[in-house]
């Protein structure tokens, strides 16, 4: 059962890292997203990949804990987006419109 304890410790450590992470700027938020939620090398994504090694009877509980961890990371990113405001990435320039002829 020590393996289950190790997974619990790992999940607690990652959750603590997520809660303490600095995501105050757009660059920091993107680095956070890639590090924790990235498709290829994300920490949480990697844990989902290792779920197959868990005993079948423990997979459901592990999946629920991993989903909660992923939701915490996504919520942390959402806090950054909310704090930045809806107009942080908005621009008044519509790049889909045709250009104007000078004159």
C-alpha atoms as a PDB file:
ATOM      1  CA  UNK A   1       0.000   0.000   0.000  1.00  0.00           C
ATOM      2  CA  UNK A   2       3.033   2.235   0.163  1.00  0.00           C
ATOM      3  CA  UNK A   3       2.650   2.894  -3.573  1.00  0.00           C
ATOM      4  CA  UNK A   4      -0.807   4.385  -2.957  1.00  0.00           C
ATOM      5  CA  UNK A   5       0.647   6.552  -0.208  1.00  0.00           C
ATOM      6  CA  UNK A   6       3.346   7.748  -2.568  1.00  0.00           C
ATOM      7  CA  UNK A   7       0.734   8.723  -5.142  1.00  0.00           C
ATOM      8  CA  UNK A   8      -1.232  10.589  -2.460  1.00  0.00           C
ATOM      9  CA  UNK A   9       1.901  12.435  -1.388  1.00  0.00           C
ATOM     10  CA  UNK A  10       2.692  13.264  -4.997  1.00  0.00           C
ATOM     11  CA  UNK A  11      -0.815  14.603  -5.593  1.00  0.00           C
ATOM     12  CA  UNK A  12      -0.655  16.735  -2.438  1.00  0.00           C
ATOM     13  CA  UNK A  13       2.730  18.149  -3.440  1.00  0.00           C
ATOM     14  CA  UNK A  14       1.534  19.001  -6.944  1.00  0.00           C
ATOM     15  CA  UNK A  15      -1.634  20.620  -5.578  1.00  0.00           C
ATOM     16  CA  UNK A  16       0.474  22.727  -3.206  1.00  0.00           C
ATOM     17  CA  UNK A  17       2.697  23.763  -6.128  1.00  0.00           C
ATOM     18  CA  UNK A  18      -0.353  24.688  -8.196  1.00  0.00           C
ATOM     19  CA  UNK A  19      -1.813  26.812  -5.406  1.00  0.00           C
ATOM     20  CA  UNK A  20       1.513  28.568  -4.770  1.00  0.00           C
ATOM     21  CA  UNK A  21       2.437  29.098  -8.430  1.00  0.00           C
ATOM     22  CA  UNK A  22       2.921  32.632  -9.702  1.00  0.00           C
ATOM     23  CA  UNK A  23       0.595  33.202 -12.641  1.00  0.00           C
ATOM     24  CA  UNK A  24       0.473  36.987 -12.423  1.00  0.00           C
ATOM     25  CA  UNK A  25       1.617  37.650 -15.980  1.00  0.00           C
ATOM     26  CA  UNK A  26       0.599  36.204 -19.309  1.00  0.00           C
ATOM     27  CA  UNK A  27       4.019  34.588 -19.761  1.00  0.00           C
ATOM     28  CA  UNK A  28       3.906  33.025 -16.298  1.00  0.00           C
ATOM     29  CA  UNK A  29       0.377  31.747 -16.944  1.00  0.00           C
ATOM     30  CA  UNK A  30       1.445  30.160 -20.230  1.00  0.00           C
ATOM     31  CA  UNK A  31       4.470  28.546 -18.584  1.00  0.00           C
ATOM     32  CA  UNK A  32       2.164  27.247 -15.833  1.00  0.00           C
ATOM     33  CA  UNK A  33      -0.262  25.830 -18.397  1.00  0.00           C
ATOM     34  CA  UNK A  34       2.483  24.074 -20.343  1.00  0.00           C
ATOM     35  CA  UNK A  35       4.197  22.704 -17.227  1.00  0.00           C
ATOM     36  CA  UNK A  36       1.073  21.313 -15.553  1.00  0.00           C
ATOM     37  CA  UNK A  37      -1.458  20.786 -18.352  1.00  0.00           C
ATOM     38  CA  UNK A  38       0.690  20.397 -21.475  1.00  0.00           C
ATOM     39  CA  UNK A  39      -0.287  17.516 -23.747  1.00  0.00           C
ATOM     40  CA  UNK A  40       3.147  15.965 -24.104  1.00  0.00           C
ATOM     41  CA  UNK A  41       5.101  16.753 -20.968  1.00  0.00           C
ATOM     42  CA  UNK A  42       2.564  18.190 -18.527  1.00  0.00           C
ATOM     43  CA  UNK A  43       2.834  17.012 -14.936  1.00  0.00           C
ATOM     44  CA  UNK A  44      -0.887  16.258 -14.598  1.00  0.00           C
ATOM     45  CA  UNK A  45      -1.004  14.724 -18.068  1.00  0.00           C
ATOM     46  CA  UNK A  46       1.866  12.430 -17.129  1.00  0.00           C
ATOM     47  CA  UNK A  47      -0.024  11.258 -14.058  1.00  0.00           C
ATOM     48  CA  UNK A  48      -3.005  10.387 -16.232  1.00  0.00           C
ATOM     49  CA  UNK A  49      -0.664   8.340 -18.420  1.00  0.00           C
ATOM     50  CA  UNK A  50       0.579   6.385 -15.396  1.00  0.00           C
ATOM     51  CA  UNK A  51      -2.957   5.557 -14.321  1.00  0.00           C
ATOM     52  CA  UNK A  52      -2.830   2.325 -16.339  1.00  0.00           C
ATOM     53  CA  UNK A  53      -0.238   0.949 -13.924  1.00  0.00           C
ATOM     54  CA  UNK A  54      -2.658   1.319 -11.005  1.00  0.00           C
ATOM     55  CA  UNK A  55      -4.654  -1.715  -9.895  1.00  0.00           C
ATOM     56  CA  UNK A  56      -8.063  -1.861 -11.601  1.00  0.00           C
ATOM     57  CA  UNK A  57      -9.949  -1.419  -8.331  1.00  0.00           C
ATOM     58  CA  UNK A  58      -7.993   1.783  -7.531  1.00  0.00           C
ATOM     59  CA  UNK A  59      -8.311   3.433 -10.941  1.00  0.00           C
ATOM     60  CA  UNK A  60     -11.681   5.040 -10.340  1.00  0.00           C
ATOM     61  CA  UNK A  61     -10.572   6.773  -7.144  1.00  0.00           C
ATOM     62  CA  UNK A  62      -7.262   7.762  -8.715  1.00  0.00           C
ATOM     63  CA  UNK A  63      -9.061   9.142 -11.755  1.00  0.00           C
ATOM     64  CA  UNK A  64     -11.316  11.244  -9.547  1.00  0.00           C
ATOM     65  CA  UNK A  65      -8.313  12.660  -7.672  1.00  0.00           C
ATOM     66  CA  UNK A  66      -6.474  13.389 -10.920  1.00  0.00           C
ATOM     67  CA  UNK A  67      -9.543  15.113 -12.347  1.00  0.00           C
ATOM     68  CA  UNK A  68      -9.761  17.252  -9.195  1.00  0.00           C
ATOM     69  CA  UNK A  69      -6.073  18.129  -9.572  1.00  0.00           C
ATOM     70  CA  UNK A  70      -6.588  19.073 -13.214  1.00  0.00           C
ATOM     71  CA  UNK A  71      -9.624  21.182 -12.271  1.00  0.00           C
ATOM     72  CA  UNK A  72      -7.546  22.997  -9.632  1.00  0.00           C
ATOM     73  CA  UNK A  73      -4.880  23.818 -12.229  1.00  0.00           C
ATOM     74  CA  UNK A  74      -7.511  25.021 -14.707  1.00  0.00           C
ATOM     75  CA  UNK A  75      -9.164  27.129 -11.997  1.00  0.00           C
ATOM     76  CA  UNK A  76      -5.808  28.714 -11.189  1.00  0.00           C
ATOM     77  CA  UNK A  77      -5.436  29.665 -14.846  1.00  0.00           C
ATOM     78  CA  UNK A  78      -8.988  31.009 -14.920  1.00  0.00           C
ATOM     79  CA  UNK A  79      -8.149  33.275 -11.956  1.00  0.00           C
ATOM     80  CA  UNK A  80      -5.383  34.809 -14.031  1.00  0.00           C
ATOM     81  CA  UNK A  81      -7.673  35.351 -17.006  1.00  0.00           C
ATOM     82  CA  UNK A  82     -10.307  36.937 -14.769  1.00  0.00           C
ATOM     83  CA  UNK A  83      -7.791  39.159 -13.019  1.00  0.00           C
ATOM     84  CA  UNK A  84      -6.433  40.359 -16.346  1.00  0.00           C
ATOM     85  CA  UNK A  85      -9.926  41.399 -17.409  1.00  0.00           C
ATOM     86  CA  UNK A  86     -11.846  40.622 -20.547  1.00  0.00           C
ATOM     87  CA  UNK A  87     -10.063  43.283 -22.575  1.00  0.00           C
ATOM     88  CA  UNK A  88      -6.526  42.084 -21.804  1.00  0.00           C
ATOM     89  CA  UNK A  89      -6.167  40.295 -25.136  1.00  0.00           C
ATOM     90  CA  UNK A  90      -8.833  42.227 -27.019  1.00  0.00           C
ATOM     91  CA  UNK A  91      -7.994  44.739 -29.666  1.00  0.00           C
ATOM     92  CA  UNK A  92     -10.109  47.165 -31.629  1.00  0.00           C
ATOM     93  CA  UNK A  93      -8.316  46.242 -34.843  1.00  0.00           C
ATOM     94  CA  UNK A  94     -10.196  43.622 -36.871  1.00  0.00           C
ATOM     95  CA  UNK A  95      -7.564  41.790 -38.872  1.00  0.00           C
ATOM     96  CA  UNK A  96     -10.193  40.030 -40.974  1.00  0.00           C
ATOM     97  CA  UNK A  97     -11.323  43.244 -42.663  1.00  0.00           C
ATOM     98  CA  UNK A  98      -9.782  44.223 -45.993  1.00  0.00           C
ATOM     99  CA  UNK A  99      -7.123  46.921 -45.867  1.00  0.00           C
ATOM    100  CA  UNK A 100      -7.831  50.548 -46.627  1.00  0.00           C
ATOM    101  CA  UNK A 101      -6.419  52.272 -49.625  1.00  0.00           C
ATOM    102  CA  UNK A 102      -4.385  55.303 -48.562  1.00  0.00           C
ATOM    103  CA  UNK A 103      -5.542  58.478 -50.074  1.00  0.00           C
END
